[in-house]
Amino acid sequence: MSASATSNLLDFNSELRAESGTARSRYITQVNVLKTTSESARVFVEAYSNQNASFEVYLRTSLKASNLNHKEQEWVLMNCDTERNRSSKDEEYLEYEFYLDNLPKYDTYDLKIVFRSNNPIDVPWIRNYRAILTARGTVTTKRYRDWE
């Protein structure tokens, strides 16, 4: 196998596929339908995640009028400008912002949070999260609390 083929296999993220992924732990929200279309998303996650652990947030969108099956759409990894392993003491929950802008218009979405860890007894914890979806200058907010 060539070096470039090996590199491509190692860079593959199976969590982007619609049907599944290889992460050992993930949470997928219910499918949400908006009253108006949106073009960007912000997700704020309050989490405990130390140097042995991390997490990622994915967004899946669709437009009802397109008649596509939402569950068959691929996931998109949301951007986060902060490393997700900054908790330095037990139960230190920090807020992380994930975002995607300039998306194709959508009115249906769900979220997936993927948990990663080097140590199976030292994993990230999510206390709560909220999604803010911009819809033509207005903001639609969904808040989820107390995940513990």
Protein backbone atom coordinates (compact mmCIF):
# COMPACT_ATOMS: atom_id res chain seq x y z
CA MET A 1 0.00 0.00 0.00
CA SER A 2 1.39 3.43 -0.91
CA ALA A 3 2.05 6.14 1.69
CA SER A 4 -0.73 8.33 0.26
CA ALA A 5 -3.27 5.48 0.39
CA THR A 6 -2.33 4.80 4.01
CA SER A 7 -2.67 8.49 4.85
CA ASN A 8 -6.13 8.66 3.25
CA LEU A 9 -7.31 5.63 5.23
CA LEU A 10 -6.04 7.12 8.49
CA ASP A 11 -7.72 10.47 7.77
CA PHE A 12 -11.13 8.88 7.08
CA ASN A 13 -13.83 9.93 9.55
CA SER A 14 -16.56 7.29 9.62
CA GLU A 15 -18.79 9.53 11.77
CA LEU A 16 -19.57 11.60 8.65
CA ARG A 17 -21.47 8.72 7.09
CA ALA A 18 -25.25 8.82 7.38
CA GLU A 19 -25.77 5.29 8.64
CA SER A 20 -23.12 4.81 11.33
CA GLY A 21 -19.63 5.41 12.59
CA THR A 22 -16.90 3.62 14.49
CA ALA A 23 -16.85 5.65 17.71
CA ARG A 24 -17.64 3.59 20.80
CA SER A 25 -19.87 6.26 22.29
CA ARG A 26 -22.19 8.82 20.69
CA TYR A 27 -25.44 10.62 21.38
CA ILE A 28 -27.87 11.53 18.59
CA THR A 29 -30.72 13.97 19.21
CA GLN A 30 -34.22 13.62 17.90
CA VAL A 31 -34.90 15.12 14.47
CA ASN A 32 -36.12 18.72 14.79
CA VAL A 33 -38.23 20.56 12.23
CA LEU A 34 -38.04 24.37 12.11
CA LYS A 35 -40.83 26.77 11.10
CA THR A 36 -38.44 28.76 8.87
CA THR A 37 -35.30 27.86 6.96
CA SER A 38 -31.86 28.38 8.47
CA GLU A 39 -28.40 28.77 6.98
CA SER A 40 -26.07 28.48 9.97
CA ALA A 41 -25.87 26.84 13.37
CA ARG A 42 -24.23 27.40 16.75
CA VAL A 43 -24.11 24.71 19.41
CA PHE A 44 -22.91 25.52 22.92
CA VAL A 45 -21.86 22.53 25.00
CA GLU A 46 -21.08 22.60 28.71
CA ALA A 47 -18.72 19.68 29.26
CA TYR A 48 -16.12 18.09 31.48
CA SER A 49 -13.32 16.79 29.27
CA ASN A 50 -9.74 16.44 30.52
CA GLN A 51 -6.42 15.69 28.77
CA ASN A 52 -7.41 12.03 28.19
CA ALA A 53 -10.74 12.81 26.55
CA SER A 54 -12.43 14.91 23.90
CA PHE A 55 -15.70 15.16 22.00
CA GLU A 56 -16.97 16.33 18.62
CA VAL A 57 -20.31 17.73 17.48
CA TYR A 58 -21.86 16.90 14.10
CA LEU A 59 -24.86 18.42 12.34
CA ARG A 60 -27.15 16.76 9.78
CA THR A 61 -29.55 18.95 7.84
CA SER A 62 -32.14 18.67 5.11
CA LEU A 63 -34.93 20.67 3.50
CA LYS A 64 -38.40 19.11 3.73
CA ALA A 65 -39.34 20.48 0.31
CA SER A 66 -36.48 18.51 -1.30
CA ASN A 67 -38.25 15.22 -0.48
CA LEU A 68 -34.91 13.67 0.55
CA ASN A 69 -34.88 11.19 3.41
CA HIS A 70 -33.29 13.14 6.28
CA LYS A 71 -31.77 9.99 7.86
CA GLU A 72 -29.89 9.28 4.61
CA GLN A 73 -28.08 12.64 4.65
CA GLU A 74 -24.44 12.71 5.74
CA TRP A 75 -23.23 14.41 8.90
CA VAL A 76 -21.03 17.53 8.90
CA LEU A 77 -18.36 18.03 11.57
CA MET A 78 -18.96 21.36 13.30
CA ASN A 79 -16.04 23.75 13.85
CA CYS A 80 -14.74 24.53 17.33
CA ASP A 81 -11.83 26.91 17.89
CA THR A 82 -11.02 25.47 21.32
CA GLU A 83 -9.41 22.14 22.23
CA ARG A 84 -12.02 20.02 23.98
CA ASN A 85 -9.72 18.65 26.71
CA ARG A 86 -9.23 21.66 29.01
CA SER A 87 -10.85 20.54 32.26
CA SER A 88 -8.05 20.44 34.83
CA LYS A 89 -9.95 19.20 37.88
CA ASP A 90 -12.85 16.83 38.55
CA GLU A 91 -16.28 18.19 37.66
CA GLU A 92 -14.86 21.31 36.00
CA TYR A 93 -17.45 21.97 33.30
CA LEU A 94 -16.45 24.43 30.58
CA GLU A 95 -18.51 25.86 27.73
CA TYR A 96 -17.45 25.14 24.15
CA GLU A 97 -18.90 26.78 21.03
CA PHE A 98 -19.33 24.82 17.80
CA TYR A 99 -20.41 26.51 14.59
CA LEU A 100 -21.17 26.12 10.88
CA ASP A 101 -21.97 29.03 8.59
CA ASN A 102 -23.16 29.43 4.99
CA LEU A 103 -24.94 26.09 4.88
CA PRO A 104 -27.45 25.22 2.19
CA LYS A 105 -30.89 26.25 3.48
CA TYR A 106 -32.43 23.70 5.81
CA ASP A 107 -35.47 23.30 8.00
CA THR A 108 -34.78 19.88 9.46
CA TYR A 109 -31.78 18.94 11.60
CA ASP A 110 -30.37 16.68 14.24
CA LEU A 111 -27.13 16.70 16.21
CA LYS A 112 -24.63 13.98 17.06
CA ILE A 113 -22.09 14.26 19.86
CA VAL A 114 -19.21 11.78 19.64
CA PHE A 115 -17.21 11.02 22.78
CA ARG A 116 -13.53 10.02 22.62
CA SER A 117 -11.10 8.92 25.32
CA ASN A 118 -7.67 7.31 25.76
CA ASN A 119 -8.92 5.70 28.97
CA PRO A 120 -12.33 3.97 29.28
CA ILE A 121 -12.78 5.16 32.89
CA ASP A 122 -11.84 8.77 32.10
CA VAL A 123 -14.46 9.98 29.62
CA PRO A 124 -16.04 13.33 28.74
CA TRP A 125 -19.33 14.33 30.40
CA ILE A 126 -21.90 16.69 28.93
CA ARG A 127 -23.96 18.68 31.45
CA ASN A 128 -26.12 20.48 28.88
CA TYR A 129 -26.10 21.93 25.40
CA ARG A 130 -28.10 24.37 23.34
CA ALA A 131 -28.49 24.87 19.62
CA ILE A 132 -28.99 28.29 18.06
CA LEU A 133 -30.06 28.28 14.43
CA THR A 134 -30.16 31.49 12.44
CA ALA A 135 -33.16 31.91 10.20
CA ARG A 136 -33.07 34.99 7.97
CA GLY A 137 -32.01 37.39 10.69
CA THR A 138 -33.96 35.74 13.52
CA VAL A 139 -32.68 33.22 16.01
CA THR A 140 -34.29 29.89 16.89
CA THR A 141 -32.98 28.35 20.11
CA LYS A 142 -33.32 24.83 21.47
CA ARG A 143 -31.93 24.24 24.97
CA TYR A 144 -31.24 20.86 26.53
CA ARG A 145 -30.35 20.57 30.24
CA ASP A 146 -29.13 18.16 32.81
CA TRP A 147 -27.75 15.28 30.83
CA GLU A 148 -26.20 13.59 33.82
